[in-house]
Amino acid sequence: ISRLSRGEAQRLRLARVLGYKRSNQGRVLLFDEPTRGLHTKEIQTLIKLLQRFVAEGASIVVVEHNPLF
């Protein structure tokens, strides 16, 4: 049984994607409330990372309930 929260597990999967050597072109990434439990500075870093993926050709779908982001 995993003791990771959904957010922690999601961020580990994101880290794995970062390690891929292949292109992000055509990749679709889905995130469910990725900012939950993160500090504001961490959220800013996450947003920059997602923007980089989009610039590389990926499609990003984010379900977020935090009205600030």
N, C-alpha and C. Protein backbone atom coordinates (compact mmCIF):
# COMPACT_ATOMS: atom_id res chain seq x y z
N ILE A 1 0.86 -1.18 0.00
CA ILE A 1 0.00 0.00 0.00
C ILE A 1 0.90 1.23 0.00
N SER A 2 0.62 2.13 -0.92
CA SER A 2 1.40 3.36 -1.00
C SER A 2 1.00 4.31 0.11
N ARG A 3 1.98 4.95 0.68
CA ARG A 3 1.72 5.94 1.72
C ARG A 3 1.83 7.36 1.17
N LEU A 4 1.96 7.47 -0.14
CA LEU A 4 2.03 8.77 -0.78
C LEU A 4 0.63 9.33 -0.98
N SER A 5 0.51 10.65 -0.85
CA SER A 5 -0.75 11.28 -1.20
C SER A 5 -0.90 11.26 -2.71
N ARG A 6 -2.09 11.54 -3.19
CA ARG A 6 -2.28 11.59 -4.65
C ARG A 6 -1.38 12.63 -5.28
N GLY A 7 -1.24 13.78 -4.61
CA GLY A 7 -0.40 14.84 -5.13
C GLY A 7 1.06 14.43 -5.20
N GLU A 8 1.53 13.75 -4.16
CA GLU A 8 2.92 13.29 -4.15
C GLU A 8 3.16 12.27 -5.25
N ALA A 9 2.23 11.34 -5.41
CA ALA A 9 2.37 10.33 -6.46
C ALA A 9 2.34 10.97 -7.84
N GLN A 10 1.48 11.96 -8.01
CA GLN A 10 1.39 12.67 -9.28
C GLN A 10 2.71 13.38 -9.60
N ARG A 11 3.32 14.00 -8.60
CA ARG A 11 4.59 14.71 -8.81
C ARG A 11 5.72 13.73 -9.10
N LEU A 12 5.67 12.53 -8.53
CA LEU A 12 6.68 11.52 -8.86
C LEU A 12 6.55 11.08 -10.31
N ARG A 13 5.32 10.94 -10.78
CA ARG A 13 5.12 10.60 -12.19
C ARG A 13 5.64 11.72 -13.09
N LEU A 14 5.42 12.97 -12.68
CA LEU A 14 5.93 14.11 -13.43
C LEU A 14 7.46 14.07 -13.48
N ALA A 15 8.09 13.74 -12.38
CA ALA A 15 9.56 13.65 -12.35
C ALA A 15 10.04 12.57 -13.32
N ARG A 16 9.31 11.49 -13.43
CA ARG A 16 9.68 10.43 -14.37
C ARG A 16 9.60 10.94 -15.80
N VAL A 17 8.57 11.71 -16.12
CA VAL A 17 8.42 12.28 -17.46
C VAL A 17 9.60 13.22 -17.75
N LEU A 18 10.03 13.96 -16.76
CA LEU A 18 11.17 14.87 -16.94
C LEU A 18 12.43 14.11 -17.33
N GLY A 19 12.54 12.89 -16.90
CA GLY A 19 13.72 12.08 -17.18
C GLY A 19 13.73 11.45 -18.55
N TYR A 20 12.61 11.50 -19.27
CA TYR A 20 12.55 10.91 -20.60
C TYR A 20 13.45 11.67 -21.56
N LYS A 21 14.10 10.96 -22.43
CA LYS A 21 14.96 11.57 -23.44
C LYS A 21 14.20 11.92 -24.71
N ARG A 22 13.01 11.35 -24.87
CA ARG A 22 12.27 11.59 -26.11
C ARG A 22 11.50 12.92 -26.05
N SER A 23 11.00 13.32 -27.19
CA SER A 23 10.29 14.58 -27.34
C SER A 23 8.95 14.58 -26.60
N ASN A 24 8.52 15.75 -26.20
CA ASN A 24 7.20 15.91 -25.60
C ASN A 24 6.14 16.18 -26.65
N GLN A 25 6.55 16.27 -27.93
CA GLN A 25 5.62 16.54 -29.01
C GLN A 25 4.51 15.49 -29.03
N GLY A 26 3.27 15.95 -28.97
CA GLY A 26 2.13 15.05 -29.02
C GLY A 26 1.77 14.39 -27.70
N ARG A 27 2.55 14.61 -26.66
CA ARG A 27 2.26 14.01 -25.35
C ARG A 27 1.11 14.76 -24.68
N VAL A 28 0.24 14.04 -24.01
CA VAL A 28 -0.85 14.66 -23.25
C VAL A 28 -0.63 14.33 -21.78
N LEU A 29 -0.57 15.37 -20.95
CA LEU A 29 -0.37 15.20 -19.51
C LEU A 29 -1.62 15.69 -18.79
N LEU A 30 -2.14 14.89 -17.89
CA LEU A 30 -3.34 15.22 -17.13
C LEU A 30 -2.98 15.34 -15.66
N PHE A 31 -3.36 16.45 -15.05
CA PHE A 31 -3.08 16.69 -13.64
C PHE A 31 -4.37 17.00 -12.90
N ASP A 32 -4.56 16.35 -11.77
CA ASP A 32 -5.72 16.57 -10.92
C ASP A 32 -5.26 17.29 -9.67
N GLU A 33 -5.60 18.56 -9.56
CA GLU A 33 -5.22 19.40 -8.42
C GLU A 33 -3.72 19.31 -8.09
N PRO A 34 -2.85 19.64 -9.03
CA PRO A 34 -1.41 19.50 -8.80
C PRO A 34 -0.83 20.46 -7.77
N THR A 35 -1.56 21.51 -7.41
CA THR A 35 -1.01 22.48 -6.46
C THR A 35 -1.34 22.16 -5.00
N ARG A 36 -2.16 21.16 -4.78
CA ARG A 36 -2.56 20.84 -3.40
C ARG A 36 -1.33 20.50 -2.55
N GLY A 37 -1.18 21.20 -1.43
CA GLY A 37 -0.08 20.94 -0.51
C GLY A 37 1.23 21.62 -0.87
N LEU A 38 1.24 22.39 -1.96
CA LEU A 38 2.47 23.05 -2.36
C LEU A 38 2.52 24.49 -1.85
N HIS A 39 3.72 24.94 -1.57
CA HIS A 39 3.96 26.34 -1.21
C HIS A 39 3.84 27.18 -2.48
N THR A 40 3.54 28.46 -2.34
CA THR A 40 3.36 29.35 -3.49
C THR A 40 4.57 29.33 -4.43
N LYS A 41 5.78 29.33 -3.89
CA LYS A 41 6.98 29.28 -4.74
C LYS A 41 7.05 27.97 -5.52
N GLU A 42 6.65 26.88 -4.89
CA GLU A 42 6.65 25.58 -5.57
C GLU A 42 5.62 25.57 -6.70
N ILE A 43 4.49 26.23 -6.47
CA ILE A 43 3.45 26.32 -7.49
C ILE A 43 3.96 27.11 -8.69
N GLN A 44 4.68 28.19 -8.43
CA GLN A 44 5.25 28.98 -9.53
C GLN A 44 6.23 28.14 -10.35
N THR A 45 7.03 27.33 -9.68
CA THR A 45 7.96 26.44 -10.38
C THR A 45 7.20 25.42 -11.22
N LEU A 46 6.14 24.86 -10.66
CA LEU A 46 5.32 23.89 -11.38
C LEU A 46 4.71 24.52 -12.63
N ILE A 47 4.19 25.73 -12.51
CA ILE A 47 3.58 26.42 -13.65
C ILE A 47 4.62 26.65 -14.75
N LYS A 48 5.81 27.07 -14.38
CA LYS A 48 6.88 27.26 -15.37
C LYS A 48 7.21 25.95 -16.07
N LEU A 49 7.23 24.88 -15.32
CA LEU A 49 7.52 23.56 -15.91
C LEU A 49 6.42 23.15 -16.89
N LEU A 50 5.17 23.35 -16.51
CA LEU A 50 4.07 23.01 -17.41
C LEU A 50 4.12 23.87 -18.67
N GLN A 51 4.49 25.14 -18.52
CA GLN A 51 4.62 26.02 -19.69
C GLN A 51 5.73 25.51 -20.61
N ARG A 52 6.80 25.00 -20.03
CA ARG A 52 7.90 24.44 -20.84
C ARG A 52 7.41 23.24 -21.64
N PHE A 53 6.63 22.36 -21.00
CA PHE A 53 6.08 21.21 -21.70
C PHE A 53 5.23 21.65 -22.89
N VAL A 54 4.40 22.67 -22.69
CA VAL A 54 3.55 23.17 -23.78
C VAL A 54 4.42 23.73 -24.90
N ALA A 55 5.46 24.47 -24.55
CA ALA A 55 6.37 25.02 -25.56
C ALA A 55 7.06 23.91 -26.36
N GLU A 56 7.23 22.75 -25.75
CA GLU A 56 7.86 21.61 -26.42
C GLU A 56 6.86 20.76 -27.21
N GLY A 57 5.58 21.17 -27.21
CA GLY A 57 4.59 20.49 -28.02
C GLY A 57 3.62 19.60 -27.27
N ALA A 58 3.71 19.54 -25.95
CA ALA A 58 2.79 18.71 -25.17
C ALA A 58 1.47 19.44 -24.96
N SER A 59 0.44 18.68 -24.70
CA SER A 59 -0.86 19.23 -24.30
C SER A 59 -1.03 18.97 -22.81
N ILE A 60 -1.49 19.96 -22.08
CA ILE A 60 -1.64 19.86 -20.63
C ILE A 60 -3.12 20.06 -20.28
N VAL A 61 -3.66 19.16 -19.48
CA VAL A 61 -5.00 19.29 -18.93
C VAL A 61 -4.86 19.33 -17.42
N VAL A 62 -5.34 20.42 -16.81
CA VAL A 62 -5.22 20.59 -15.36
C VAL A 62 -6.61 20.79 -14.77
N VAL A 63 -6.94 19.96 -13.80
CA VAL A 63 -8.16 20.14 -13.02
C VAL A 63 -7.72 20.73 -11.70
N GLU A 64 -8.09 21.98 -11.47
CA GLU A 64 -7.61 22.70 -10.28
C GLU A 64 -8.78 23.38 -9.59
N HIS A 65 -8.87 23.23 -8.29
CA HIS A 65 -9.95 23.83 -7.52
C HIS A 65 -9.48 25.02 -6.70
N ASN A 66 -8.20 25.33 -6.76
CA ASN A 66 -7.65 26.47 -6.05
C ASN A 66 -7.91 27.72 -6.89
N PRO A 67 -8.78 28.63 -6.44
CA PRO A 67 -9.15 29.78 -7.26
C PRO A 67 -7.99 30.76 -7.48
N LEU A 68 -6.92 30.63 -6.73
CA LEU A 68 -5.78 31.54 -6.89
C LEU A 68 -4.92 31.15 -8.06
N PHE A 69 -5.03 29.91 -8.56
CA PHE A 69 -4.18 29.44 -9.64
C PHE A 69 -5.03 28.89 -10.71
